Amino acid sequence: MDAEQRSAQATHPLAGSPDLAKVLDSVEDEIVVVDTAYRLLFANSAASGSLRAATPSPEGDLCYQVVEHTDSPCSTPVWMCPLQQMIQTGDPISITHPCPEEQGALSSAKYIKLSMYPLKDPDGRITGAVCLRRDVSAERKLEAEMLTRHHQLLALSRISEAVSGLSRLDDILNVALDTVLEIVHGTIGGILLVNQRTQELHYRVQRGLSSKYAEEVRLKIGVGIAGTVAQSGEPILLTDISTDPRTEHVDLVSAEGLKGFVSVPLRAKNKVVGVVNVASHLPGQFAREDMYLLDSIGHQVGVAIGQARLYEQLRNATDRYQSLLQHSLTAQEAERKRIARELHDGTSQMLTGLALNLQAARDIAEMIGIKDAMMEERLEKAQTLAVQTSMEVTKLINDLRPTLLDSLGLAPAIQRYVETWLQPEGIRSSVVTRGHERLPSEVEVALFRITQEAINNITKHAEATNVAIDLQCDGEKCVLRIEDDGKGFDVEEITRVEKTGRGVGLFGMKERVTLVGGRCSIESQRGRGTTIVSEVPLTGSVSDAEDQSAGG
C-alpha cells in the first residue's frame, strides 16, 4: 500500500465500511476518530449532535476547537489531553475530566469519561485514535453521595465508639465535643445544656472560646440561635452569625470574632436536652452537609447524655442507700454492744449469783442436817437451770457482740465463735490465721459478721461435716475464706431477697464487705459445698488499729 492510499485510509477510517458506521451511529455514547494532529476524521451521530462545529460537518476540524471550544489542545488546569501520551506509549488510555456547562464554571461541571484507543496502519505506525466519550456525571454524583454517606457513618461510628463505655456526663461531653470538632476540622465550639429548673441554656464544655464568653452567655429557650434550636428541635446553619438578627450577646460574638456558625439540638427521648455549637472565624465555613452530619451526631450525643443522667441518678441513689445502710448497721452494732454489755453486767452477773446462792443453800442444808429429799431435788434443779440460763445468756452475749472482738481482735473472736457453735454440733473445724495486728473496727466487725452468718447457714442448712476458715491479713488487705463440704446450693437461683427472707444472709454479707470498700464472692454447687471469700483493703489500718488499741 503506497503513501497516498494510507493517507486516504487515515482520512476516511470507515471508508468502505458503511455497516460499521451505521453501528457506531446507533451507539448512545459519543465516538470520534482523530488523527495525530488533532484533526477530526469521524464523529458518530451522538457526537455530531453535541459538537460545537462551525460547519454542518465537523470532519476535518480540530477536535479541541469543536469539542472543547479552545484554541489549543486541552491542558491544565482543567485537564490534560492524553493523545500525545497514547502516541508515545501505544497503549489505550482512560481518564475522567470535568467539562464545565459554561466556560470556567467548574462548580456546575459535567464529568466526561474519555477512553482513547490507538489506530495503526499496516506497518504498525499510530495514525490516530478512536475516542469514546461518556457522560459519567450521574455516576460521579452517586459516588460523591456514597462517600458522603460513608463519611457520615464513619463519623457516627467514631462518636459512638468515643462515648461508649463512659457513664459520667462531663467525660461524655468532652469526648463528644473533641470528636465533633475533629470531624468538621474545626477548633471552636461548645455544648450547652438545658437547666430544667430555669429553662436556660448554659455552656457545660467549650473549646476555643474565652471564659468570659462561656460564663456570660445564658440563653432562655426560644431566645438567640441556640435557644431557637432548643425550642424548635431543628438545626440552624449561618454564613455569618454576627449579622443574623436572632443573635443574642452580639458584643460578645463580635469580640470572639465568630462568623460561620452551626447549631444543632441534642435529643434524648424526643426531648431537647442541649445544643452543640460549632463556629469559625471565617464566614461560610460550614456547608449544609456539615449541618446534617452534626444533626445526626446530636442524636447520639443526646442519647448518651440521657444515659449519663440516669447513671448519675443511679449512683446518687446507691450512695444514699449505702449511707443509710451504713448508719443502720452502725446503729445496730451500737445497740448490740449496749445490750450485750447490759446482759453481761446485769443479767449474767445475777444468774451467776443465783447459781452460787443455790449452791450455798444446798451446802447449808447439808451442814445443819436437813434431810428433805424434795427440797434437795428442787434446789438442784433450780441451780442447774440457773447455770444453763447463764450459759445461754453468755452465748447470746457472744452472738450480739463478743467481748473478745473488742478486747483481743478478730482472730480470737472467730476462734471462740467456732468453738461455741460448730463443735457442739459435731462439725470438725479448722481456723488458720496469719497476721495478728488489730484491724480497723469497721473491718473487724464486717468480717466477724460474715463469719457469723456463714456459720449460722452451715449449722442450719449445709449438713456439713467439715469447715475450714482461713484469715490472712497484711498491710494492704485482709482475706477471709470460709469453706464447707455441705450439700451446697445453686447461687444463680438467689437473685434477690425473697418475701420469705431467703437471700438476706448472702446479700447482707456482700453489702457489709462493700461498705468497707471490699468485695465478696460466693461459690457453691449442689453436692459440692460452699466457699465464701471476702477481701477488704486495709487503707489507714495502722493508724486506726493504734487508735483502737489505745482506746481498749
Protein backbone atom coordinates (compact mmCIF):
# COMPACT_ATOMS: atom_id res chain seq x y z
CA MET A 1 0.00 0.00 0.00
CA ASP A 2 1.50 3.36 -1.03
CA ALA A 3 1.57 6.58 0.99
CA GLU A 4 -1.38 8.07 -0.87
CA GLN A 5 -3.56 5.05 -0.07
CA ARG A 6 -2.51 5.13 3.58
CA SER A 7 -3.34 8.82 3.75
CA ALA A 8 -6.74 8.22 2.22
CA GLN A 9 -7.49 5.42 4.70
CA ALA A 10 -6.35 7.61 7.59
CA THR A 11 -8.54 10.44 6.31
CA HIS A 12 -11.53 8.15 5.96
CA PRO A 13 -11.09 5.49 8.65
CA LEU A 14 -14.51 3.94 7.96
CA ALA A 15 -14.28 4.17 4.17
CA GLY A 16 -15.65 1.02 2.69
CA SER A 17 -17.39 0.08 5.95
CA PRO A 18 -20.87 1.68 5.81
CA ASP A 19 -22.32 -1.01 8.03
CA LEU A 20 -19.77 -0.26 10.74
CA ALA A 21 -20.59 3.46 10.51
CA LYS A 22 -24.26 2.62 10.97
CA VAL A 23 -23.44 0.52 14.02
CA LEU A 24 -21.37 3.34 15.55
CA ASP A 25 -24.17 5.83 14.85
CA SER A 26 -26.56 3.65 16.82
CA VAL A 27 -24.33 3.76 19.94
CA GLU A 28 -25.55 6.23 22.60
CA ASP A 29 -22.01 7.16 23.63
CA GLU A 30 -20.08 9.76 21.66
CA ILE A 31 -17.45 8.21 19.37
CA VAL A 32 -14.96 10.28 17.40
CA VAL A 33 -11.84 9.44 15.42
CA VAL A 34 -8.91 11.89 15.31
CA ASP A 35 -5.53 11.81 13.67
CA THR A 36 -2.24 12.55 15.38
CA ALA A 37 -2.61 16.25 14.55
CA TYR A 38 -5.93 16.51 16.48
CA ARG A 39 -7.93 16.64 13.25
CA LEU A 40 -11.41 15.15 13.47
CA LEU A 41 -11.85 12.30 10.96
CA PHE A 42 -15.17 10.82 12.09
CA ALA A 43 -17.97 11.52 14.55
CA ASN A 44 -20.97 9.30 15.14
CA SER A 45 -24.48 10.70 15.46
CA ALA A 46 -24.26 11.13 19.26
CA ALA A 47 -21.01 13.08 18.95
CA SER A 48 -22.14 15.18 16.00
CA GLY A 49 -25.19 16.32 17.93
CA SER A 50 -23.12 17.73 20.78
CA LEU A 51 -20.07 19.09 18.93
CA ARG A 52 -19.65 22.83 18.66
CA ALA A 53 -18.69 22.77 14.98
CA ALA A 54 -18.67 25.89 12.87
CA THR A 55 -19.75 23.88 9.84
CA PRO A 56 -22.55 21.34 9.44
CA SER A 57 -19.96 18.56 9.08
CA PRO A 58 -17.23 18.68 11.75
CA GLU A 59 -14.93 16.27 9.94
CA GLY A 60 -11.62 17.92 9.15
CA ASP A 61 -11.89 20.42 12.03
CA LEU A 62 -9.56 20.39 15.01
CA CYS A 63 -11.09 18.32 17.80
CA TYR A 64 -10.25 20.75 20.61
CA GLN A 65 -11.98 23.54 18.70
CA VAL A 66 -15.24 21.70 18.02
CA VAL A 67 -15.33 19.59 21.21
CA GLU A 68 -13.84 21.82 23.91
CA HIS A 69 -14.10 25.19 22.12
CA THR A 70 -10.47 26.11 22.82
CA ASP A 71 -7.71 27.45 20.61
CA SER A 72 -5.10 24.85 21.64
CA PRO A 73 -5.02 21.22 22.81
CA CYS A 74 -6.58 20.75 26.24
CA SER A 75 -4.17 21.23 29.13
CA THR A 76 -4.09 22.05 32.81
CA PRO A 77 -5.66 23.33 34.98
CA VAL A 78 -8.84 21.75 33.59
CA TRP A 79 -7.45 18.52 32.15
CA MET A 80 -4.57 17.28 30.01
CA CYS A 81 -5.35 15.73 26.62
CA PRO A 82 -3.91 12.17 26.59
CA LEU A 83 -3.41 11.90 22.81
CA GLN A 84 0.35 12.56 22.83
CA GLN A 85 0.86 10.18 25.76
CA MET A 86 -1.04 7.45 23.89
CA ILE A 87 1.05 8.05 20.77
CA GLN A 88 4.27 7.71 22.82
CA THR A 89 3.23 4.57 24.71
CA GLY A 90 1.00 2.93 22.13
CA ASP A 91 -1.34 1.87 24.92
CA PRO A 92 -5.02 2.70 25.42
CA ILE A 93 -5.74 5.43 27.96
CA SER A 94 -8.83 6.18 30.02
CA ILE A 95 -9.38 9.38 32.03
CA THR A 96 -12.30 11.24 33.63
CA HIS A 97 -12.30 15.01 33.42
CA PRO A 98 -14.65 17.89 34.26
CA CYS A 99 -16.50 19.59 31.45
CA PRO A 100 -17.97 22.94 32.56
CA GLU A 101 -21.54 23.71 31.48
CA GLU A 102 -20.27 27.23 30.96
CA GLN A 103 -16.72 28.16 30.27
CA GLY A 104 -14.83 28.23 33.56
CA ALA A 105 -17.85 27.23 35.67
CA LEU A 106 -16.31 24.16 37.28
CA SER A 107 -18.80 24.24 40.14
CA SER A 108 -21.51 23.16 37.68
CA ALA A 109 -19.27 20.86 35.61
CA LYS A 110 -20.33 17.65 34.00
CA TYR A 111 -17.87 14.77 34.13
CA ILE A 112 -16.79 13.05 30.92
CA LYS A 113 -15.02 9.70 30.82
CA LEU A 114 -12.69 9.62 27.81
CA SER A 115 -11.35 6.27 26.60
CA MET A 116 -8.77 6.54 23.81
CA TYR A 117 -7.58 3.61 21.67
CA PRO A 118 -4.76 3.85 19.07
CA LEU A 119 -5.36 3.38 15.33
CA LYS A 120 -2.45 1.81 13.46
CA ASP A 121 -1.62 1.39 9.78
CA PRO A 122 -0.50 -1.97 8.36
CA ASP A 123 3.10 -1.07 9.24
CA GLY A 124 2.17 -0.64 12.92
CA ARG A 125 2.50 3.13 12.97
CA ILE A 126 -0.08 5.04 15.02
CA THR A 127 -2.10 7.24 12.70
CA GLY A 128 -4.83 8.37 15.02
CA ALA A 129 -7.12 7.38 17.83
CA VAL A 130 -10.67 6.23 18.44
CA CYS A 131 -12.14 8.22 21.31
CA LEU A 132 -15.13 7.04 23.32
CA ARG A 133 -16.76 9.86 25.31
CA ARG A 134 -19.33 9.08 28.01
CA ASP A 135 -21.14 11.42 30.39
CA VAL A 136 -20.49 9.95 33.87
CA SER A 137 -21.86 12.89 35.86
CA ALA A 138 -24.61 10.74 37.42
CA GLU A 139 -22.08 8.10 38.44
CA ARG A 140 -19.76 10.72 39.91
CA LYS A 141 -22.66 12.27 41.81
CA LEU A 142 -23.62 8.86 43.14
CA GLU A 143 -20.01 8.20 44.15
CA ALA A 144 -19.87 11.56 45.91
CA GLU A 145 -23.11 10.80 47.76
CA MET A 146 -21.79 7.37 48.74
CA LEU A 147 -18.57 8.95 50.01
CA THR A 148 -20.61 11.49 51.96
CA ARG A 149 -22.72 8.74 53.48
CA HIS A 150 -19.59 6.76 54.28
CA HIS A 151 -18.08 9.82 55.92
CA GLN A 152 -21.25 10.33 57.95
CA LEU A 153 -21.41 6.69 59.04
CA LEU A 154 -17.73 6.79 59.92
CA ALA A 155 -18.30 9.95 61.97
CA LEU A 156 -21.28 8.40 63.77
CA SER A 157 -19.23 5.30 64.44
CA ARG A 158 -16.41 7.41 65.86
CA ILE A 159 -18.83 9.26 68.13
CA SER A 160 -20.43 6.00 69.24
CA GLU A 161 -17.04 4.44 69.92
CA ALA A 162 -15.83 7.57 71.73
CA VAL A 163 -18.75 7.81 74.17
CA SER A 164 -19.43 4.10 74.63
CA GLY A 165 -18.36 2.83 78.00
CA LEU A 166 -18.47 6.32 79.51
CA SER A 167 -21.02 6.95 82.24
CA ARG A 168 -20.01 10.33 83.66
CA LEU A 169 -21.65 13.30 81.97
CA ASP A 170 -18.59 15.57 81.77
CA ASP A 171 -16.49 12.77 80.27
CA ILE A 172 -19.10 12.17 77.56
CA LEU A 173 -19.44 15.88 76.74
CA ASN A 174 -15.68 16.48 76.49
CA VAL A 175 -15.05 13.43 74.31
CA ALA A 176 -18.07 14.18 72.11
CA LEU A 177 -17.07 17.83 71.56
CA ASP A 178 -13.46 16.96 70.72
CA THR A 179 -14.64 14.31 68.25
CA VAL A 180 -17.16 16.67 66.62
CA LEU A 181 -14.55 19.38 66.09
CA GLU A 182 -12.13 16.85 64.66
CA ILE A 183 -14.76 15.57 62.22
CA VAL A 184 -15.62 19.04 60.85
CA HIS A 185 -11.99 20.23 61.03
CA GLY A 186 -12.98 22.96 63.49
CA THR A 187 -11.38 24.46 66.58
CA ILE A 188 -14.23 26.50 68.08
CA GLY A 189 -17.34 25.03 69.65
CA GLY A 190 -19.22 24.13 72.77
CA ILE A 191 -22.06 22.12 74.25
CA LEU A 192 -24.83 23.92 76.09
CA LEU A 193 -27.20 22.03 78.39
CA VAL A 194 -30.75 22.94 79.37
CA ASN A 195 -31.30 23.77 83.01
CA GLN A 196 -34.72 22.21 83.57
CA ARG A 197 -35.47 24.45 86.55
CA THR A 198 -34.64 27.82 84.94
CA GLN A 199 -35.22 26.74 81.31
CA GLU A 200 -31.91 28.34 80.36
CA LEU A 201 -29.05 27.14 78.19
CA HIS A 202 -25.51 27.45 79.51
CA TYR A 203 -22.12 26.20 78.32
CA ARG A 204 -21.03 22.99 80.07
CA VAL A 205 -17.91 22.40 77.93
CA GLN A 206 -16.27 24.55 75.24
CA ARG A 207 -13.18 24.82 73.05
CA GLY A 208 -11.68 27.95 71.52
CA LEU A 209 -13.98 30.37 73.36
CA SER A 210 -12.98 32.82 76.07
CA SER A 211 -14.02 32.12 79.65
CA LYS A 212 -15.90 35.45 79.64
CA TYR A 213 -18.00 34.33 76.66
CA ALA A 214 -18.70 30.88 78.10
CA GLU A 215 -19.65 32.26 81.51
CA GLU A 216 -21.82 35.18 80.39
CA VAL A 217 -23.80 33.50 77.62
CA ARG A 218 -27.09 32.41 79.17
CA LEU A 219 -29.99 31.90 76.78
CA LYS A 220 -33.65 31.35 77.53
CA ILE A 221 -35.37 28.69 75.47
CA GLY A 222 -36.52 30.36 72.25
CA VAL A 223 -34.04 33.24 72.52
CA GLY A 224 -30.92 33.53 70.35
CA ILE A 225 -29.65 30.97 67.86
CA ALA A 226 -29.10 28.15 70.37
CA GLY A 227 -32.34 28.99 72.17
CA THR A 228 -34.25 28.81 68.88
CA VAL A 229 -32.68 25.43 68.11
CA ALA A 230 -33.57 24.16 71.59
CA GLN A 231 -37.17 25.29 71.16
CA SER A 232 -37.73 24.03 67.61
CA GLY A 233 -35.53 20.95 67.70
CA GLU A 234 -34.23 21.90 64.23
CA PRO A 235 -30.59 22.73 63.31
CA ILE A 236 -29.52 26.17 62.07
CA LEU A 237 -26.69 26.96 59.62
CA LEU A 238 -25.43 30.54 59.36
CA THR A 239 -22.95 32.10 56.95
CA ASP A 240 -22.19 34.84 59.50
CA ILE A 241 -23.71 34.75 62.99
CA SER A 242 -22.59 38.32 63.72
CA THR A 243 -25.07 39.69 61.16
CA ASP A 244 -28.07 37.48 61.98
CA PRO A 245 -30.91 39.41 63.67
CA ARG A 246 -31.67 36.47 66.01
CA THR A 247 -28.21 36.60 67.57
CA GLU A 248 -28.05 37.46 71.28
CA HIS A 249 -24.95 38.89 73.03
CA VAL A 250 -23.80 40.49 69.77
CA ASP A 251 -20.98 42.31 71.58
CA LEU A 252 -19.56 39.03 72.88
CA VAL A 253 -19.95 37.37 69.48
CA SER A 254 -18.09 40.26 67.82
CA ALA A 255 -15.37 40.20 70.47
CA GLU A 256 -14.82 36.49 69.79
CA GLY A 257 -14.75 37.15 66.03
CA LEU A 258 -17.31 34.44 65.31
CA LYS A 259 -18.61 34.19 61.74
CA GLY A 260 -19.54 30.80 60.25
CA PHE A 261 -21.87 29.00 62.67
CA VAL A 262 -23.76 25.73 63.06
CA SER A 263 -26.11 24.92 65.94
CA VAL A 264 -27.79 21.51 66.30
CA PRO A 265 -30.05 20.06 69.02
CA LEU A 266 -29.20 17.22 71.39
CA ARG A 267 -32.23 14.99 71.86
CA ALA A 268 -32.98 12.32 74.42
CA LYS A 269 -36.36 10.56 74.29
CA ASN A 270 -37.79 13.18 71.91
CA LYS A 271 -36.79 15.96 74.28
CA VAL A 272 -34.08 18.55 73.63
CA VAL A 273 -31.55 18.36 76.48
CA GLY A 274 -28.93 20.65 74.98
CA VAL A 275 -27.33 22.19 71.91
CA VAL A 276 -23.99 21.77 70.11
CA ASN A 277 -22.50 24.93 68.60
CA VAL A 278 -19.61 24.88 66.13
CA ALA A 279 -18.14 28.18 64.94
CA SER A 280 -15.41 29.63 62.76
CA HIS A 281 -13.67 32.96 62.31
CA LEU A 282 -14.39 32.70 58.57
CA PRO A 283 -17.87 33.33 57.12
CA GLY A 284 -19.49 30.48 55.20
CA GLN A 285 -17.06 27.96 56.64
CA PHE A 286 -19.66 25.20 57.01
CA ALA A 287 -21.88 23.55 54.40
CA ARG A 288 -25.32 22.01 54.69
CA GLU A 289 -23.69 18.59 54.68
CA ASP A 290 -21.82 19.58 57.86
CA MET A 291 -25.09 20.63 59.47
CA TYR A 292 -26.82 17.36 58.56
CA LEU A 293 -23.87 15.36 59.85
CA LEU A 294 -23.78 17.30 63.13
CA ASP A 295 -27.52 16.85 63.49
CA SER A 296 -27.11 13.08 63.21
CA ILE A 297 -24.29 13.19 65.72
CA GLY A 298 -26.50 15.28 68.01
CA HIS A 299 -28.97 12.40 68.26
CA GLN A 300 -26.26 10.04 69.52
CA VAL A 301 -24.78 12.54 71.95
CA GLY A 302 -28.26 13.36 73.27
CA VAL A 303 -28.93 9.69 73.98
CA ALA A 304 -25.55 9.41 75.72
CA ILE A 305 -26.41 12.46 77.86
CA GLY A 306 -29.72 10.88 78.83
CA GLN A 307 -27.99 7.65 79.80
CA ALA A 308 -25.34 9.53 81.77
CA ARG A 309 -28.01 11.33 83.76
CA LEU A 310 -29.70 8.01 84.51
CA TYR A 311 -26.34 6.63 85.66
CA GLU A 312 -25.87 9.72 87.80
CA GLN A 313 -29.30 9.26 89.39
CA LEU A 314 -28.50 5.60 89.99
CA ARG A 315 -25.14 6.48 91.57
CA ASN A 316 -26.79 9.06 93.82
CA ALA A 317 -29.48 6.57 94.82
CA THR A 318 -26.81 3.95 95.50
CA ASP A 319 -24.78 6.41 97.56
CA ARG A 320 -27.87 7.33 99.60
CA TYR A 321 -28.73 3.67 100.08
CA GLN A 322 -25.20 2.79 101.21
CA SER A 323 -25.11 5.80 103.53
CA LEU A 324 -28.42 4.79 105.11
CA LEU A 325 -27.27 1.19 105.33
CA GLN A 326 -24.02 2.28 106.96
CA HIS A 327 -25.93 4.33 109.54
CA SER A 328 -28.32 1.43 110.11
CA LEU A 329 -25.52 -1.10 110.63
CA THR A 330 -23.60 1.31 112.86
CA ALA A 331 -26.69 1.88 115.00
CA GLN A 332 -27.34 -1.84 115.02
CA GLU A 333 -23.82 -2.62 116.19
CA ALA A 334 -24.05 0.06 118.87
CA GLU A 335 -27.33 -1.37 120.11
CA ARG A 336 -25.93 -4.91 120.04
CA LYS A 337 -22.95 -3.73 122.06
CA ARG A 338 -25.19 -1.95 124.59
CA ILE A 339 -27.48 -4.94 125.07
CA ALA A 340 -24.52 -7.32 125.34
CA ARG A 341 -22.92 -5.07 127.96
CA GLU A 342 -26.14 -4.86 129.96
CA LEU A 343 -26.64 -8.61 129.77
CA HIS A 344 -23.04 -9.16 130.84
CA ASP A 345 -23.05 -6.62 133.67
CA GLY A 346 -26.61 -7.26 134.84
CA THR A 347 -28.43 -10.44 133.88
CA SER A 348 -25.32 -12.63 133.58
CA GLN A 349 -23.97 -11.47 136.96
CA MET A 350 -27.34 -12.02 138.66
CA LEU A 351 -27.66 -15.51 137.20
CA THR A 352 -24.15 -16.35 138.38
CA GLY A 353 -25.05 -15.03 141.85
CA LEU A 354 -28.27 -17.03 141.84
CA ALA A 355 -26.44 -20.22 140.96
CA LEU A 356 -23.88 -19.60 143.72
CA ASN A 357 -26.59 -18.84 146.27
CA LEU A 358 -28.46 -22.00 145.38
CA GLN A 359 -25.26 -23.98 145.78
CA ALA A 360 -24.70 -22.29 149.15
CA ALA A 361 -28.26 -23.16 150.22
CA ARG A 362 -27.67 -26.76 149.37
CA ASP A 363 -24.39 -26.75 151.34
CA ILE A 364 -26.02 -25.13 154.41
CA ALA A 365 -28.90 -27.61 154.35
CA GLU A 366 -26.42 -30.43 154.28
CA MET A 367 -24.34 -28.89 157.11
CA ILE A 368 -27.28 -28.41 159.50
CA GLY A 369 -28.63 -31.86 158.74
CA ILE A 370 -31.80 -31.09 156.83
CA LYS A 371 -32.78 -34.34 155.15
CA ASP A 372 -35.66 -33.18 152.92
CA ALA A 373 -35.20 -35.06 149.62
CA MET A 374 -37.82 -33.00 147.76
CA MET A 375 -36.21 -29.73 148.81
CA GLU A 376 -32.77 -31.03 147.81
CA GLU A 377 -34.08 -32.09 144.41
CA ARG A 378 -35.72 -28.74 143.79
CA LEU A 379 -32.64 -26.81 144.86
CA GLU A 380 -30.51 -28.90 142.49
CA LYS A 381 -32.92 -28.36 139.58
CA ALA A 382 -33.04 -24.63 140.30
CA GLN A 383 -29.25 -24.44 140.40
CA THR A 384 -28.92 -26.43 137.18
CA LEU A 385 -31.50 -24.18 135.47
CA ALA A 386 -29.64 -21.07 136.66
CA VAL A 387 -26.33 -22.41 135.30
CA GLN A 388 -27.92 -23.37 131.95
CA THR A 389 -29.62 -19.99 131.69
CA SER A 390 -26.31 -18.27 132.47
CA MET A 391 -24.64 -20.28 129.69
CA GLU A 392 -27.39 -19.34 127.22
CA VAL A 393 -27.06 -15.69 128.17
CA THR A 394 -23.28 -15.96 127.63
CA LYS A 395 -23.89 -17.44 124.15
CA LEU A 396 -26.38 -14.65 123.46
CA ILE A 397 -23.81 -12.06 124.57
CA ASN A 398 -21.21 -13.60 122.27
CA ASP A 399 -23.73 -13.64 119.45
CA LEU A 400 -24.63 -9.99 119.98
CA ARG A 401 -21.10 -8.68 120.46
CA PRO A 402 -18.33 -10.99 121.67
CA THR A 403 -16.11 -9.28 124.21
CA LEU A 404 -13.09 -10.88 122.58
CA LEU A 405 -13.75 -8.88 119.39
CA ASP A 406 -13.33 -5.63 121.30
CA SER A 407 -10.57 -6.76 123.65
CA LEU A 408 -8.35 -9.09 121.57
CA GLY A 409 -9.50 -8.66 117.97
CA LEU A 410 -10.91 -10.60 115.04
CA ALA A 411 -8.91 -13.84 115.06
CA PRO A 412 -9.61 -14.80 118.73
CA ALA A 413 -13.28 -13.84 118.30
CA ILE A 414 -13.65 -16.11 115.26
CA GLN A 415 -11.87 -18.96 117.09
CA ARG A 416 -14.19 -18.65 120.09
CA TYR A 417 -17.30 -18.43 117.91
CA VAL A 418 -16.32 -21.58 116.02
CA GLU A 419 -15.79 -23.44 119.30
CA THR A 420 -19.13 -22.21 120.65
CA TRP A 421 -21.31 -23.07 117.64
CA LEU A 422 -19.64 -25.70 115.46
CA GLN A 423 -18.06 -28.08 117.96
CA PRO A 424 -21.34 -28.74 119.87
CA GLU A 425 -22.88 -29.72 116.50
CA GLY A 426 -20.15 -32.30 115.91
CA ILE A 427 -18.76 -30.38 112.91
CA ARG A 428 -14.99 -30.63 112.54
CA SER A 429 -13.40 -27.24 112.05
CA SER A 430 -10.05 -25.62 111.50
CA VAL A 431 -9.17 -21.97 111.88
CA VAL A 432 -5.91 -20.67 110.36
CA THR A 433 -4.92 -17.03 110.80
CA ARG A 434 -1.91 -15.08 109.53
CA GLY A 435 -1.20 -11.54 110.66
CA HIS A 436 -2.39 -10.74 114.17
CA GLU A 437 -2.30 -6.92 114.30
CA ARG A 438 -5.53 -5.20 115.18
CA LEU A 439 -7.62 -4.10 112.22
CA PRO A 440 -9.89 -1.07 111.82
CA SER A 441 -13.02 -1.55 113.90
CA GLU A 442 -15.37 -1.48 110.91
CA VAL A 443 -13.29 -4.15 109.14
CA GLU A 444 -13.23 -6.42 112.19
CA VAL A 445 -16.98 -6.07 112.69
CA ALA A 446 -17.74 -6.70 108.97
CA LEU A 447 -15.58 -9.84 108.75
CA PHE A 448 -16.85 -11.19 112.05
CA ARG A 449 -20.48 -10.73 110.97
CA ILE A 450 -19.73 -12.52 107.70
CA THR A 451 -18.21 -15.41 109.67
CA GLN A 452 -21.21 -15.40 111.98
CA GLU A 453 -23.69 -15.53 109.09
CA ALA A 454 -21.72 -18.26 107.30
CA ILE A 455 -21.57 -20.44 110.44
CA ASN A 456 -25.28 -19.85 111.04
CA ASN A 457 -26.04 -21.08 107.50
CA ILE A 458 -23.75 -24.08 107.95
CA THR A 459 -25.40 -25.22 111.19
CA LYS A 460 -28.94 -24.70 109.86
CA HIS A 461 -28.79 -25.72 106.18
CA ALA A 462 -25.47 -27.09 104.93
CA GLU A 463 -25.37 -30.52 106.62
CA ALA A 464 -21.59 -30.20 106.56
CA THR A 465 -19.10 -32.34 108.44
CA ASN A 466 -16.01 -30.16 107.89
CA VAL A 467 -15.45 -26.42 107.90
CA ALA A 468 -12.19 -24.60 107.12
CA ILE A 469 -11.68 -20.92 107.93
CA ASP A 470 -8.59 -19.10 106.69
CA LEU A 471 -7.87 -15.48 107.64
CA GLN A 472 -4.86 -13.78 106.03
CA CYS A 473 -4.03 -10.14 106.70
CA ASP A 474 -1.10 -7.98 105.67
CA GLY A 475 -0.50 -4.26 105.42
CA GLU A 476 -2.62 -3.90 102.28
CA LYS A 477 -5.60 -6.22 102.57
CA CYS A 478 -7.36 -8.85 104.63
CA VAL A 479 -8.78 -12.01 103.02
CA LEU A 480 -11.27 -14.26 104.81
CA ARG A 481 -12.06 -17.65 103.26
CA ILE A 482 -14.78 -19.92 104.69
CA GLU A 483 -15.26 -23.33 103.08
CA ASP A 484 -17.57 -26.23 103.96
CA ASP A 485 -18.28 -29.67 102.49
CA GLY A 486 -22.05 -29.44 102.85
CA LYS A 487 -24.79 -30.06 100.32
CA GLY A 488 -24.32 -26.69 98.61
CA PHE A 489 -26.89 -24.75 96.59
CA ASP A 490 -27.37 -23.03 93.23
CA VAL A 491 -26.07 -19.46 93.63
CA GLU A 492 -27.77 -18.30 90.41
CA GLU A 493 -31.19 -19.12 91.87
CA ILE A 494 -30.77 -16.42 94.52
CA THR A 495 -31.05 -13.17 92.59
CA ARG A 496 -32.95 -11.12 95.18
CA VAL A 497 -34.22 -11.15 98.74
CA GLU A 498 -37.50 -13.06 98.77
CA LYS A 499 -40.50 -12.35 100.99
CA THR A 500 -39.68 -15.49 102.96
CA GLY A 501 -36.31 -13.98 103.87
CA ARG A 502 -34.34 -16.29 101.59
CA GLY A 503 -31.25 -14.50 100.35
CA VAL A 504 -30.99 -11.99 103.22
CA GLY A 505 -27.84 -13.58 104.58
CA LEU A 506 -25.98 -13.75 101.24
CA PHE A 507 -26.84 -10.22 100.18
CA GLY A 508 -26.13 -8.97 103.70
CA MET A 509 -22.60 -10.39 103.59
CA LYS A 510 -21.91 -8.72 100.25
CA GLU A 511 -23.30 -5.39 101.42
CA ARG A 512 -21.18 -5.42 104.59
CA VAL A 513 -18.00 -6.01 102.58
CA THR A 514 -18.96 -3.36 100.02
CA LEU A 515 -19.44 -0.77 102.76
CA VAL A 516 -15.81 -1.19 103.87
CA GLY A 517 -14.56 -0.99 100.27
CA GLY A 518 -14.11 -4.70 99.69
CA ARG A 519 -15.70 -7.45 97.63
CA CYS A 520 -17.29 -10.78 98.46
CA SER A 521 -17.68 -13.82 96.21
CA ILE A 522 -19.83 -16.85 96.93
CA GLU A 523 -19.28 -20.10 95.03
CA SER A 524 -21.44 -23.17 95.52
CA GLN A 525 -22.78 -26.18 93.66
CA ARG A 526 -25.28 -28.77 94.75
CA GLY A 527 -23.45 -31.62 96.44
CA ARG A 528 -20.08 -29.82 96.38
CA GLY A 529 -20.20 -27.47 99.34
CA THR A 530 -19.84 -23.70 99.55
CA THR A 531 -16.89 -21.31 99.52
CA ILE A 532 -17.15 -17.68 100.64
CA VAL A 533 -14.20 -15.34 100.01
CA SER A 534 -14.20 -11.77 101.34
CA GLU A 535 -11.37 -9.37 100.55
CA VAL A 536 -11.12 -5.99 102.27
CA PRO A 537 -8.47 -3.30 101.66
CA LEU A 538 -6.71 -2.00 104.77
CA THR A 539 -6.03 1.63 103.80
CA GLY A 540 -5.36 3.51 107.02
CA SER A 541 -5.44 0.31 109.05
CA VAL A 542 -2.27 1.07 111.03
CA SER A 543 -3.49 4.38 112.49
CA ASP A 544 -6.98 3.00 113.04
CA ALA A 545 -5.62 -0.05 114.81
CA GLU A 546 -3.37 2.08 117.03
CA ASP A 547 -6.33 4.28 117.97
CA GLN A 548 -8.41 1.20 118.70
CA SER A 549 -5.67 -0.37 120.87
CA ALA A 550 -5.17 2.87 122.77
CA GLY A 551 -8.89 3.06 123.45
CA GLY A 552 -9.15 -0.60 124.51
